[in-house]
Protein backbone atom coordinates (compact mmCIF):
# COMPACT_ATOMS: atom_id res chain seq x y z
CA MET A 1 -0.01 -0.26 -0.05
CA PHE A 2 2.84 2.40 0.95
CA LEU A 3 5.65 0.65 -1.08
CA VAL A 4 6.33 3.13 -3.70
CA LYS A 5 8.77 2.93 -6.69
CA LYS A 6 10.96 6.09 -7.54
CA GLY A 7 13.69 5.44 -9.80
CA ASP A 8 15.76 2.79 -8.61
CA ARG A 9 14.83 3.52 -4.94
CA MET A 10 11.96 1.76 -2.98
CA ASN A 11 10.21 3.90 -0.21
CA PHE A 12 9.49 1.96 2.88
CA PRO A 13 6.40 2.91 5.04
CA THR A 14 7.36 4.74 8.07
CA LEU A 15 6.66 3.28 11.70
CA GLU A 16 3.94 5.99 12.12
CA GLN A 17 2.30 4.44 9.05
CA VAL A 18 2.73 1.08 10.28
CA ARG A 19 0.97 1.72 13.38
CA LYS A 20 -2.22 3.42 11.64
CA LEU A 21 -2.37 0.24 9.77
CA ARG A 22 -2.44 -1.99 12.99
CA SER A 23 -4.77 0.51 14.67
CA HIS A 24 -7.61 -1.68 14.09
CA THR A 25 -5.71 -4.81 15.53
CA LYS A 26 -7.36 -7.05 17.93
CA LYS A 27 -7.24 -6.35 21.87
CA GLU A 28 -5.14 -9.24 22.62
CA GLU A 29 -2.72 -8.42 19.94
CA ILE A 30 -1.91 -4.68 20.87
CA LEU A 31 1.52 -3.85 21.78
CA HIS A 32 1.28 -2.30 25.38
CA ASN A 33 3.55 0.36 26.87
CA TYR A 34 4.28 -0.10 30.75
CA PRO A 35 5.35 3.16 32.06
CA LEU A 36 7.76 3.10 35.02
CA THR A 37 6.09 2.49 38.32
CA GLU A 38 6.85 4.44 41.70
CA GLU A 39 8.57 1.48 42.95
CA GLU A 40 10.96 0.76 39.56
CA ILE A 41 11.86 4.46 39.80
CA SER A 42 12.77 4.32 43.39
CA LYS A 43 15.29 1.45 42.49
CA ILE A 44 16.82 3.52 39.60
CA ARG A 45 17.25 6.32 41.99
CA SER A 46 18.66 4.49 44.92
CA TYR A 47 21.20 3.20 41.96
CA ASN A 48 21.97 6.67 41.30
CA PRO A 49 20.62 9.03 43.79
CA ASN A 50 22.17 11.82 42.12
CA SER A 51 20.32 11.94 39.05
CA GLU A 52 16.72 12.27 38.49
CA ASN A 53 16.91 11.43 34.91
CA TYR A 54 19.05 8.44 35.12
CA LYS A 55 18.71 6.13 32.68
CA PRO A 56 19.36 2.18 33.51
CA ILE A 57 22.85 0.97 32.27
CA GLU A 58 20.76 -2.22 31.13
CA ASP A 59 17.88 -2.42 28.83
CA ILE A 60 16.95 -5.96 30.03
CA ASP A 61 13.92 -6.08 27.71
CA THR A 62 15.98 -7.14 24.47
CA LYS A 63 17.25 -10.25 23.24
CA GLN A 64 20.58 -8.92 22.74
CA SER A 65 20.81 -7.27 26.47
CA PHE A 66 19.67 -10.40 27.70
CA GLN A 67 22.51 -12.18 26.12
CA LYS A 68 24.91 -9.37 27.62
CA ILE A 69 23.76 -9.99 31.14
CA LEU A 70 24.53 -13.86 31.01
CA ASN A 71 27.82 -12.88 29.41
CA HIS A 72 28.26 -10.54 32.57
CA PHE A 73 27.52 -13.74 34.54
CA ASP A 74 30.01 -15.85 33.10
CA SER A 75 32.63 -13.23 33.78
CA ILE A 76 31.94 -12.88 37.25
CA PHE A 77 31.91 -16.74 37.97
CA GLY A 78 34.63 -17.45 35.47
CA SER A 79 35.89 -21.07 34.85
CA PHE A 80 34.44 -23.51 37.32
CA TYR A 81 37.75 -25.27 37.47
CA ARG A 82 41.43 -24.13 36.46
CA PRO A 83 44.78 -25.44 37.21
CA ASP A 84 47.21 -23.27 39.40
CA LYS A 85 50.66 -24.66 39.91
CA ASP A 86 50.05 -27.62 41.82
CA ASN A 87 46.37 -27.24 42.47
CA PHE A 88 43.30 -27.06 41.01
CA LEU A 89 41.10 -24.03 41.72
CA PHE A 90 37.23 -24.59 41.72
CA ARG A 91 34.68 -21.67 41.58
CA GLY A 92 31.02 -22.23 42.40
CA ARG A 93 27.82 -22.53 44.91
CA LEU A 94 28.93 -24.36 47.84
CA GLU A 95 26.26 -26.15 49.75
CA TYR A 96 25.82 -28.54 52.88
CA ILE A 97 24.85 -32.20 52.20
CA GLY A 98 25.43 -33.86 55.70
CA LYS A 99 27.63 -35.03 58.56
CA ILE A 100 29.96 -38.35 58.39
CA THR A 101 32.67 -39.73 60.64
CA ASP A 102 35.91 -40.48 59.07
CA PRO A 103 36.19 -44.33 59.35
CA ASN A 104 40.27 -43.93 59.49
CA THR A 105 40.57 -41.22 62.06
CA GLY A 106 37.10 -40.98 64.02
CA GLU A 107 36.85 -37.25 62.99
CA ASP A 108 33.58 -35.50 62.49
CA GLN A 109 33.33 -33.98 59.13
CA ILE A 110 30.86 -31.95 57.12
CA THR A 111 30.29 -33.11 53.32
CA MET A 112 29.45 -30.29 51.11
CA ILE A 113 28.79 -30.05 46.92
CA LEU A 114 30.37 -27.33 45.10
CA SER A 115 28.45 -26.77 41.88
CA ASP A 116 28.82 -24.73 38.77
CA PRO A 117 26.25 -21.79 38.42
CA LYS A 118 26.35 -21.58 35.09
CA THR A 119 24.57 -24.77 34.36
CA LEU A 120 21.61 -22.78 35.68
CA TYR A 121 21.62 -20.67 32.33
CA SER A 122 23.74 -22.54 29.85
CA LYS A 123 24.06 -25.60 28.10
CA ARG A 124 26.16 -27.55 30.07
CA ASP A 125 26.49 -30.53 32.76
CA THR A 126 29.54 -30.07 34.84
CA PRO A 127 30.01 -32.80 37.28
CA PRO A 128 29.74 -30.89 40.90
CA LEU A 129 32.79 -31.43 43.27
CA LYS A 130 31.96 -33.37 46.41
CA ILE A 131 34.19 -32.43 49.33
CA ARG A 132 34.72 -33.09 53.14
CA VAL A 133 35.70 -30.43 55.74
CA PRO A 134 36.20 -30.76 59.41
CA ASP A 135 33.05 -29.86 61.49
CA ASN A 136 33.05 -26.81 63.14
CA PRO A 137 30.46 -24.05 63.72
CA ASN A 138 31.90 -21.53 61.45
CA LEU A 139 31.01 -23.36 58.27
CA TYR A 140 27.95 -22.05 55.84
CA SER A 141 25.89 -23.09 53.34
CA GLY A 142 24.20 -21.46 50.24
CA VAL A 143 27.30 -19.32 49.49
CA TYR A 144 29.84 -18.73 46.44
CA ALA A 145 33.14 -20.02 47.13
CA GLN A 146 36.63 -20.65 45.60
CA ILE A 147 38.25 -24.12 46.57
CA LYS A 148 41.85 -24.97 46.20
CA VAL A 149 42.39 -29.02 45.92
CA LYS A 150 45.66 -30.61 45.12
CA GLN A 151 45.67 -31.75 41.48
CA GLY A 152 47.04 -35.36 42.28
CA VAL A 153 44.17 -35.98 44.72
CA ILE A 154 41.32 -35.35 41.73
CA GLY A 155 39.70 -38.86 40.80
CA LYS A 156 41.20 -40.71 43.37
CA GLU A 157 38.20 -40.32 45.72
CA GLU A 158 34.29 -39.41 45.09
CA THR A 159 34.57 -37.09 48.07
CA ILE A 160 37.79 -35.36 48.28
CA PHE A 161 38.94 -33.58 52.11
CA VAL A 162 39.67 -30.09 52.09
CA GLU A 163 40.94 -27.93 54.87
CA GLN A 164 38.73 -24.98 55.61
CA LYS A 165 41.59 -22.46 55.16
CA ASP A 166 41.48 -23.58 51.38
CA ILE A 167 38.12 -22.46 51.01
CA ASP A 168 37.59 -18.58 49.81
CA TYR A 169 34.26 -16.80 50.11
CA PHE A 170 33.20 -14.42 47.60
CA ASP A 171 30.25 -12.20 47.03
CA PHE A 172 28.12 -12.28 44.15
CA THR A 173 25.92 -9.37 44.56
CA PRO A 174 27.64 -6.50 44.18
CA ALA A 175 28.68 -7.36 40.70
CA MET A 176 25.00 -8.29 39.88
CA PRO A 177 23.15 -6.08 37.51
CA HIS A 178 20.15 -4.31 39.03
CA VAL A 179 16.65 -5.26 37.77
CA PHE A 180 13.96 -2.46 37.60
CA MET A 181 11.15 -4.53 36.56
CA ASP A 182 7.92 -4.47 38.80
CA TYR A 183 6.79 -8.19 39.26
CA SER A 184 3.48 -7.06 39.42
CA LYS A 185 3.68 -5.98 35.69
CA PHE A 186 4.48 -9.76 34.78
CA THR A 187 1.77 -10.91 36.58
CA SER A 188 -0.49 -8.84 35.08
CA LEU A 189 0.89 -9.91 31.60
CA PHE A 190 0.41 -13.61 32.67
CA ASN A 191 -3.39 -12.98 33.80
CA LEU A 192 -4.58 -10.52 31.28
CA ASP A 193 -2.42 -10.33 28.07
CA TYR A 194 -1.99 -13.95 27.67
CA GLY A 195 -5.18 -15.09 28.98
CA PHE A 196 -4.52 -17.65 31.68
CA ASP A 197 -7.68 -17.50 33.75
CA MET A 198 -6.76 -19.84 36.94
CA PRO A 199 -9.17 -19.68 40.07
CA ILE A 200 -7.06 -17.61 42.59
CA ILE A 201 -5.96 -19.75 45.56
CA SER A 202 -3.96 -17.71 47.96
CA GLN A 203 -1.79 -18.67 50.57
CA ARG A 204 -1.20 -15.96 53.05
CA LEU A 205 2.58 -16.03 54.51
CA ARG A 206 2.72 -13.02 56.59
CA ARG A 207 0.76 -9.67 57.03
CA ASN A 208 -0.69 -8.18 53.81
CA LEU A 209 1.22 -10.86 51.74
CA GLU A 210 -0.36 -13.56 49.81
CA LEU A 211 0.81 -15.72 46.81
CA ASN A 212 -1.81 -16.40 44.23
CA ASN A 213 -1.67 -19.39 41.48
CA ILE A 214 0.67 -17.59 39.53
CA ASP A 215 3.14 -17.08 42.15
CA LEU A 216 3.30 -20.73 43.02
CA MET A 217 3.75 -21.70 39.40
CA LEU A 218 6.65 -19.48 39.44
CA ILE A 219 7.74 -19.61 42.91
CA ASN A 220 10.22 -22.93 42.60
CA LYS A 221 12.16 -21.22 39.84
CA VAL A 222 13.75 -19.07 42.42
CA ALA A 223 14.70 -22.05 44.13
CA GLY A 224 18.41 -22.86 43.94
CA GLU A 225 19.99 -24.24 47.64
CA ASN A 226 20.62 -27.76 48.31
CA PHE A 227 20.21 -28.99 51.55
CA LYS A 228 21.40 -32.44 52.93
CA SER A 229 21.44 -35.43 50.28
CA ASP A 230 18.93 -34.07 47.89
CA VAL A 231 19.49 -32.43 44.73
CA LYS A 232 19.11 -28.71 44.42
CA GLY A 233 16.25 -27.13 43.78
CA GLY A 234 12.29 -27.72 44.51
CA VAL A 235 9.87 -29.65 42.58
CA SER A 236 6.31 -28.61 43.03
CA GLY A 237 3.10 -30.82 41.64
CA ASN A 238 0.88 -28.73 39.81
CA ILE A 239 -2.37 -30.69 39.99
CA ILE A 240 -4.51 -29.05 37.27
CA LYS A 241 -8.25 -30.26 36.54
CA THR A 242 -8.89 -29.12 32.70
CA THR A 243 -11.85 -29.37 30.81
CA HIS A 244 -12.32 -32.60 29.05
CA ASP A 245 -12.54 -31.18 25.44
CA GLN A 246 -9.45 -28.76 25.64
CA GLY A 247 -7.58 -29.66 28.74
CA THR A 248 -4.18 -31.01 27.16
CA TYR A 249 -4.59 -28.34 24.69
CA GLU A 250 -4.73 -25.66 27.34
CA LEU A 251 -1.69 -27.04 29.26
CA GLU A 252 0.42 -27.33 26.10
CA VAL A 253 -0.35 -23.30 25.61
CA LEU A 254 0.69 -22.63 29.35
CA ASP A 255 3.71 -25.00 29.01
CA ASN A 256 4.77 -23.09 25.92
CA PHE A 257 4.32 -19.90 27.75
CA LEU A 258 6.57 -20.81 30.65
CA ASP A 259 9.46 -21.99 28.37
CA LYS A 260 9.28 -18.60 27.16
CA VAL A 261 9.53 -16.67 30.16
CA THR A 262 11.96 -18.95 32.00
CA ILE A 263 15.43 -20.60 31.51
CA ASN A 264 15.13 -23.61 29.68
CA ASN A 265 18.45 -24.71 28.42
CA ASN A 266 18.55 -28.56 28.34
CA THR A 267 15.34 -30.26 27.23
CA SER A 268 16.89 -33.65 27.57
CA THR A 269 15.58 -34.10 31.13
CA VAL A 270 12.22 -33.54 32.59
CA PHE A 271 13.94 -31.72 35.30
CA ASN A 272 15.40 -29.10 33.46
CA THR A 273 12.26 -28.13 31.61
CA ASN A 274 9.18 -26.33 32.57
CA THR A 275 7.16 -29.15 32.28
CA VAL A 276 3.21 -28.94 32.88
CA ASP A 277 2.14 -32.67 31.61
CA GLY A 278 -1.30 -33.45 31.02
CA GLY A 279 -0.13 -37.13 31.86
CA ASP A 280 -1.64 -39.44 34.42
CA LEU A 281 -0.47 -40.44 38.12
CA VAL A 282 2.00 -43.24 36.82
CA ASN A 283 3.99 -40.51 34.56
CA PHE A 284 4.14 -38.14 37.24
CA PHE A 285 5.80 -40.73 39.83
CA ASN A 286 8.12 -41.54 37.39
CA LYS A 287 9.40 -38.23 37.16
CA VAL A 288 9.50 -37.41 40.93
CA ASP A 289 11.09 -40.68 41.96
CA ASN A 290 13.11 -40.59 45.49
CA LYS A 291 15.93 -42.37 43.74
CA LEU A 292 16.53 -39.47 41.35
CA ARG A 293 17.41 -37.20 44.35
CA LYS A 294 20.71 -39.05 45.36
CA LEU A 295 23.32 -37.21 44.31
CA SER A 296 25.48 -40.49 43.75
CA THR A 297 23.11 -41.88 41.68
CA THR A 298 21.12 -39.09 39.97
CA GLN A 299 21.37 -38.54 36.23
CA TYR A 300 20.29 -34.75 37.11
CA LYS A 301 23.59 -33.25 38.80
CA ASN A 302 22.86 -30.19 38.27
CA TYR A 303 18.93 -29.82 38.68
CA TYR A 304 17.73 -26.33 40.20
CA GLY A 305 14.19 -27.05 39.85
CA GLY A 306 11.43 -27.28 37.33
CA ASN A 307 7.62 -27.67 37.30
CA VAL A 308 6.42 -31.51 37.18
CA GLY A 309 2.70 -31.59 36.95
CA PHE A 310 -0.25 -33.49 35.67
CA SER A 311 -4.06 -32.98 35.13
CA ILE A 312 -6.85 -34.61 36.49
CA GLN A 313 -10.47 -34.91 34.81
CA LYS A 314 -11.75 -37.76 36.71
CA ILE A 315 -10.16 -39.44 39.69
CA SER A 316 -11.33 -42.72 41.80
CA ILE A 317 -11.21 -43.19 45.46
CA LYS A 318 -8.68 -45.93 45.00
CA ASP A 319 -6.53 -43.42 42.87
CA GLU A 320 -6.73 -40.75 45.54
CA ASN A 321 -5.49 -42.59 48.22
CA GLU A 322 -2.65 -44.31 46.34
CA LEU A 323 -1.84 -40.59 45.42
CA LEU A 324 -1.56 -39.43 48.79
CA ASP A 325 0.13 -42.44 50.00
CA ARG A 326 2.84 -42.28 47.54
CA LEU A 327 3.25 -38.30 47.87
CA LYS A 328 4.88 -38.88 51.34
CA ARG A 329 7.68 -41.14 49.93
CA THR A 330 8.47 -39.08 47.04
CA CYS A 331 10.32 -35.82 46.72
CA VAL A 332 7.41 -33.51 45.87
CA ASP A 333 7.92 -30.30 47.87
CA TYR A 334 4.71 -29.07 47.79
CA ILE A 335 1.18 -29.42 45.70
CA ASN A 336 0.11 -26.66 43.82
CA PRO A 337 -3.72 -26.78 43.78
CA ILE A 338 -4.49 -24.49 40.68
CA LYS A 339 -7.42 -26.50 40.06
CA ASN A 340 -8.26 -25.73 36.37
CA ILE A 341 -7.06 -23.04 33.62
CA LYS A 342 -8.57 -21.44 30.50
CA THR A 343 -6.35 -19.87 28.06
CA LYS A 344 -6.94 -18.13 24.59
CA HIS A 345 -6.07 -19.86 21.61
CA LYS A 346 -2.32 -21.08 21.18
CA SER A 347 -1.77 -18.97 18.13
CA VAL A 348 -2.83 -15.81 19.77
CA VAL A 349 -0.55 -16.31 22.67
CA ASP A 350 2.08 -16.97 20.17
CA ARG A 351 1.50 -13.96 18.42
CA ILE A 352 1.52 -12.19 21.90
CA LEU A 353 4.77 -13.35 22.38
CA LYS A 354 6.48 -12.57 19.31
CA ARG A 355 5.15 -8.71 18.85
CA ASN A 356 4.97 -7.94 22.84
CA PRO A 357 8.47 -8.36 24.14
CA SER A 358 8.23 -5.84 26.80
CA TYR A 359 9.11 -7.44 30.01
CA TYR A 360 9.82 -10.84 28.47
CA TYR A 361 13.32 -10.88 28.65
CA GLY A 362 12.86 -8.87 32.00
CA SER A 363 11.19 -11.79 33.21
CA LYS A 364 13.69 -14.19 32.52
CA ILE A 365 16.53 -11.98 34.10
CA LEU A 366 14.24 -11.32 37.17
CA LEU A 367 13.60 -15.07 37.87
CA LEU A 368 17.51 -16.21 36.80
CA GLU A 369 18.98 -13.43 39.34
CA THR A 370 16.79 -14.52 42.01
CA GLN A 371 18.01 -18.04 41.63
CA LEU A 372 21.27 -17.21 41.32
CA LEU A 373 21.21 -15.48 44.78
CA PRO A 374 22.24 -17.68 47.59
CA ILE A 375 20.69 -17.93 50.92
CA LYS A 376 23.66 -18.19 53.60
CA THR A 377 22.77 -20.20 56.34
CA ASN A 378 24.67 -21.34 59.42
CA ILE A 379 25.26 -25.41 58.94
CA SER A 380 24.80 -25.84 62.89
CA ASP A 381 21.34 -24.13 62.78
CA ILE A 382 19.96 -26.32 59.65
CA GLY A 383 21.32 -29.72 60.38
CA ILE A 384 18.69 -31.13 62.31
CA HIS A 385 15.80 -29.80 59.89
CA ASN A 386 14.00 -31.69 57.43
CA PRO A 387 15.47 -30.68 53.57
CA LYS A 388 12.25 -30.56 52.21
CA VAL A 389 11.15 -27.90 54.92
CA LEU A 390 14.42 -25.74 54.28
CA ARG A 391 14.25 -25.73 50.60
CA MET A 392 10.57 -24.41 50.89
CA ALA A 393 11.95 -21.84 53.47
CA SER A 394 14.56 -20.83 51.03
CA MET A 395 12.05 -20.40 48.31
CA LEU A 396 9.63 -18.47 50.28
CA LYS A 397 12.31 -16.38 51.54
CA LYS A 398 13.42 -15.38 48.09
CA PHE A 399 9.90 -14.98 46.52
CA THR A 400 8.69 -12.84 49.66
CA LYS A 401 11.70 -10.82 49.71
CA TYR A 402 13.62 -10.94 46.63
CA ILE A 403 11.39 -10.99 43.88
CA TYR A 404 9.55 -7.91 45.03
CA GLU A 405 12.44 -6.06 46.16
CA LEU A 406 15.14 -6.94 43.96
CA GLY A 407 17.62 -4.36 42.99
CA THR A 408 18.00 -2.39 46.26
CA ASP A 409 21.09 -2.73 48.37
CA GLU A 410 19.63 -3.30 51.64
CA ILE A 411 18.00 -6.26 50.53
CA LEU A 412 21.02 -8.20 48.86
CA LYS A 413 22.84 -7.99 52.08
CA GLY A 414 23.18 -10.96 54.41
CA VAL A 415 19.54 -12.60 54.04
CA SER A 416 19.58 -15.86 55.75
CA ILE A 417 17.24 -18.66 57.05
CA SER A 418 16.03 -18.08 60.43
CA LYS A 419 13.85 -20.21 62.75
CA ASN A 420 10.68 -18.04 61.98
CA ASP A 421 11.40 -18.94 58.28
CA ILE A 422 11.56 -22.54 59.09
CA ASN A 423 8.34 -22.46 60.80
CA LEU A 424 6.70 -20.54 57.97
CA ALA A 425 7.74 -23.22 55.43
CA LYS A 426 6.17 -25.95 57.58
CA SER A 427 3.04 -24.39 57.86
CA PHE A 428 2.88 -23.71 54.25
CA LEU A 429 3.85 -27.31 53.33
CA GLU A 430 1.07 -28.52 55.74
CA ASN A 431 -1.70 -26.13 54.37
CA ASN A 432 -0.75 -27.09 50.60
CA LYS A 433 -1.36 -30.50 51.75
CA LYS A 434 -4.80 -30.29 53.01
CA GLU A 435 -5.79 -28.05 50.00
CA MET A 436 -4.53 -30.58 47.78
CA GLU A 437 -6.43 -33.22 49.56
CA ASP A 438 -9.70 -31.41 49.53
CA PHE A 439 -9.18 -30.70 45.80
CA ILE A 440 -8.75 -34.50 45.01
CA ILE A 441 -11.58 -35.31 46.74
CA LYS A 442 -13.99 -32.83 45.06
CA SER A 443 -12.72 -33.62 41.51
CA TYR A 444 -14.24 -36.97 40.58
């Protein structure tokens, strides 16, 4: 319509002309303009309080800037291991596994694991390093550290003995880019623009703060701590009751959306994908088998969490009892009682994802940064607690503190799990279990 040939030149339409052509676009396809919120403005000003007109260094909502931030993370973490004279230097996330007694010396020791944080956002499967250190009250889990190991020791034993003097902690947070996106905008996109209609089931955590179903869908994306012998992260069971005709189709749309807005680098294993599976109970339990959680036997060595779920259209009393009984013996951290969803047509959601990248890459960075942030815990304080409770305490703390306030200097310093956080996690797990039982009873 606007393409006009003048001699050998072709005049292409202007952006304004294209916008006018799109003025009759359907509502769900409209490009949205989300201005900065007061919260975002305050984050920007706290980053550079001397300038009201300060523009953030990173525009996090483009593919190029997203990759730039990933490259920035690479430079912070460096190589997971490198030779240094007669030693190897390992650099990554250090986390607690358990306590042992050395059979040769009778010494009480702590076993820990050091993993490559880059497995979170790049296609790599770096085997983690398992170490033993003398037991003392000053050991921490959920920290970044560099460990020096004699080269001749590597490969001789499954667990390598390391003196505490050979462990150097380093802080990741000062070098982390600030994210200015308001999390509420992302939930708005999830709810309205993409048409995911899910009845709200809220869990009240503390005064004036609740988690809705959208939060519950994403909460394990901020997991990352390893406690005791369990593999990193948290598994949530998303029990979704769908309509008989379009149930699987709706789950495919939701699965496609989650793949777009969260990190999904390795699709070869179920634990590294954002799987919302419309399968049955057999498929569900195959994916969350307890045996897959042991570091010594699991094929998912660098697992940091993923949604594992199934839909229920009709369930018998026998299946209900089997589900509840087997859940007690699996590694499911909590049950997400979404009940049912209703989505727009898959092609509509795909068009929105392509045409409206606003806060699309920002969502990925927001969730990834929260995953990367460790919650420092004193091993002497957490040794007696169930790892399932500790993982949930970590996830809730990250979600309720980091996800809403990420980017302010105050929130990035010294956040750890307290006794109150552990009690809150116990209550959360128990409450979700009851809601799940009620849902199953009512769903057949």
